Structures are given as structure tokens and as C-alpha cells.
Amino acid sequence: MRYMMLMLPAGYRDAASDARPSAEAVEKMMRFNKSLQEAGVLLALDGLHPPSAGVRVSSVDGKPKIVDGPFTESKEVVGGYWMIDVGSREEAVAWASRCPLNPGDTIEIRQVFEMTDFPPEVRKTAEGFEDPRHSAA
């Protein structure tokens, strides 16, 4: 089962667009990332620039509305993610529990939909779509 672990760092909502983690913080996170990799469960991971450097595109009356960050209405923001492949929700929680979190940080864990999660009529609508994870690079 694939799970996405979303890092919700405390205070990241208000971080300056040029904010970067310290070398010490990166070193701690790299040890955690290496443990995921060595266990063979890590599929992908990335850290994200702060919301102040982002942009949101939404639909208003059928037309795109573009808003530059920061997004003051947000309470929590995603600072990065890991995509892992583990045997159960409990295993995903165990991995997230090992992450070096700062006070106030949160990891949200969400299971990824697989086509087998859907009934046949829904799977049929996706026939012919090539999954980018399985295409040749």
C-alpha cells in the first residue's frame, strides 16, 4: 500500500520566501530519509519552498483566479512529503513516528488510491492512461 506522509511544519505558513532549513535540521532529516531508503519503503520525497513563494490557481465563475502567496487564510501548510510503500497503515504511522519533528510539527498520513480500490466501471474510464511511474524515462 502506498501512503503519502505530508510534513506540516510549525510556523511555515509565515516563513519568508527565502527561508531554508539549517544544516543541522537537514542532517537529522537525511538520517531519517536514509532509514526509509535502506528499508526499501521510500518511493519519492521532496521538500517544498514556503507558501510565500507559491501561487494558487482556483476557479471563480468558471475562470481561473490566481493568488500569490503567502496565503493568510491557511492554518497549516505542506512543507514536504514522502511517498512510501508499506504493508499497512500501522507501518506508515510507525515510520512517521520516527521522523525528527520540531515542536509543533505534524505529519499527516494519507493512503494513495490504487485503481484496484475502485469498482470496474470506474477502472474502465481510466483504461489507456499510462501511469507515469511505469513509463520508460
Protein backbone atom coordinates (compact mmCIF):
# COMPACT_ATOMS: atom_id res chain seq x y z
CA MET A 1 0.00 0.00 0.00
CA ARG A 2 1.25 3.44 -0.84
CA TYR A 3 0.99 6.24 1.68
CA MET A 4 1.90 9.88 1.43
CA MET A 5 3.32 11.39 4.57
CA LEU A 6 2.82 15.16 4.46
CA MET A 7 5.09 17.32 6.60
CA LEU A 8 3.20 20.25 8.14
CA PRO A 9 5.98 22.30 9.76
CA ALA A 10 5.02 24.68 12.56
CA GLY A 11 5.43 28.32 11.53
CA TYR A 12 5.99 27.54 7.84
CA ARG A 13 2.83 29.41 6.84
CA ASP A 14 4.55 32.71 7.71
CA ALA A 15 8.07 31.82 6.56
CA ALA A 16 9.85 34.20 4.20
CA SER A 17 10.19 33.05 0.60
CA ASP A 18 13.95 32.62 1.07
CA ALA A 19 13.64 30.54 4.29
CA ARG A 20 15.75 27.39 4.32
CA PRO A 21 16.25 24.69 6.96
CA SER A 22 19.51 24.70 8.90
CA ALA A 23 22.31 22.25 8.14
CA GLU A 24 21.56 20.53 11.47
CA ALA A 25 17.88 20.09 10.58
CA VAL A 26 18.76 18.75 7.13
CA GLU A 27 21.29 16.32 8.63
CA LYS A 28 18.65 14.91 11.02
CA MET A 29 16.11 14.59 8.21
CA MET A 30 18.64 12.92 5.91
CA ARG A 31 19.26 10.22 8.55
CA PHE A 32 15.51 9.56 8.63
CA ASN A 33 15.29 9.59 4.82
CA LYS A 34 18.22 7.16 4.60
CA SER A 35 16.46 4.77 7.01
CA LEU A 36 13.36 4.80 4.77
CA GLN A 37 15.57 4.16 1.75
CA GLU A 38 17.53 1.35 3.40
CA ALA A 39 14.29 -0.34 4.45
CA GLY A 40 13.17 -0.30 0.82
CA VAL A 41 9.93 1.58 1.52
CA LEU A 42 10.80 5.02 0.08
CA LEU A 43 9.32 5.76 -3.36
CA ALA A 44 9.78 9.56 -3.51
CA LEU A 45 10.34 12.60 -1.33
CA ASP A 46 10.70 16.33 -1.72
CA GLY A 47 10.80 19.47 0.38
CA LEU A 48 8.78 22.47 -0.74
CA HIS A 49 9.54 26.18 -0.76
CA PRO A 50 7.45 28.20 1.72
CA PRO A 51 3.91 29.27 0.75
CA SER A 52 5.09 32.87 0.43
CA ALA A 53 6.92 31.76 -2.75
CA GLY A 54 3.87 29.86 -4.05
CA VAL A 55 0.81 30.60 -6.11
CA ARG A 56 -2.72 29.22 -6.02
CA VAL A 57 -4.99 28.78 -9.01
CA SER A 58 -8.68 28.35 -8.27
CA SER A 59 -11.88 28.62 -10.25
CA VAL A 60 -14.25 31.54 -9.77
CA ASP A 61 -17.33 31.59 -12.01
CA GLY A 62 -15.59 29.15 -14.33
CA LYS A 63 -12.49 31.33 -14.76
CA PRO A 64 -9.04 30.87 -13.23
CA LYS A 65 -8.24 33.08 -10.26
CA ILE A 66 -4.54 33.41 -9.45
CA VAL A 67 -3.39 34.39 -5.96
CA ASP A 68 0.27 34.76 -4.98
CA GLY A 69 1.43 33.58 -1.57
CA PRO A 70 1.52 33.93 1.32
CA PHE A 71 -1.94 32.53 1.92
CA THR A 72 -3.11 34.10 5.17
CA GLU A 73 -6.30 32.04 5.35
CA SER A 74 -4.30 28.80 5.68
CA LYS A 75 -3.76 27.34 9.12
CA GLU A 76 -1.41 24.51 8.15
CA VAL A 77 0.74 24.22 5.05
CA VAL A 78 2.67 21.39 3.47
CA GLY A 79 6.44 21.74 3.72
CA GLY A 80 7.33 18.47 2.07
CA TYR A 81 6.31 14.88 1.57
CA TRP A 82 7.42 11.28 1.45
CA MET A 83 5.76 8.63 -0.67
CA ILE A 84 6.25 5.24 0.92
CA ASP A 85 5.14 1.71 0.11
CA VAL A 86 4.39 -0.29 3.24
CA GLY A 87 2.18 -3.19 4.27
CA SER A 88 -0.28 -1.33 6.49
CA ARG A 89 -1.49 1.94 7.94
CA GLU A 90 0.16 0.97 11.20
CA GLU A 91 3.53 0.60 9.47
CA ALA A 92 3.12 4.07 7.91
CA VAL A 93 2.35 5.50 11.36
CA ALA A 94 5.42 3.75 12.78
CA TRP A 95 7.63 5.34 10.12
CA ALA A 96 6.15 8.80 10.67
CA SER A 97 6.71 8.39 14.41
CA ARG A 98 10.46 8.03 13.77
CA CYS A 99 10.73 11.35 11.91
CA PRO A 100 12.74 14.06 13.70
CA LEU A 101 9.97 16.59 14.33
CA ASN A 102 10.35 20.02 15.85
CA PRO A 103 7.84 21.17 18.47
CA GLY A 104 4.53 21.88 16.75
CA ASP A 105 5.38 19.94 13.55
CA THR A 106 2.83 17.42 12.29
CA ILE A 107 2.95 14.60 9.77
CA GLU A 108 -0.35 13.82 8.09
CA ILE A 109 -0.57 10.31 6.61
CA ARG A 110 -2.87 9.64 3.68
CA GLN A 111 -3.30 6.40 1.77
CA VAL A 112 -2.96 6.73 -2.00
CA PHE A 113 -5.82 5.45 -4.15
CA GLU A 114 -4.92 2.49 -6.32
CA MET A 115 -7.03 1.57 -9.34
CA THR A 116 -7.96 -1.67 -7.58
CA ASP A 117 -9.73 0.47 -4.93
CA PHE A 118 -12.39 1.40 -7.49
CA PRO A 119 -15.26 -0.61 -8.98
CA PRO A 120 -14.81 -1.97 -12.54
CA GLU A 121 -16.87 0.80 -14.19
CA VAL A 122 -14.56 3.44 -12.71
CA ARG A 123 -11.41 1.50 -13.66
CA LYS A 124 -12.73 1.27 -17.23
CA THR A 125 -12.79 5.08 -17.53
CA ALA A 126 -9.03 5.14 -16.85
CA GLU A 127 -8.13 2.46 -19.42
CA GLY A 128 -5.40 3.59 -21.77
CA PHE A 129 -3.92 6.13 -19.34
CA GLU A 130 -0.27 5.29 -18.93
CA ASP A 131 0.84 5.54 -15.31
CA PRO A 132 3.95 7.79 -15.35
CA ARG A 133 5.54 5.60 -12.65
CA HIS A 134 5.67 2.75 -15.15
CA SER A 135 6.74 4.61 -18.31
CA ALA A 136 10.30 4.48 -19.60
CA ALA A 137 12.43 7.51 -18.77
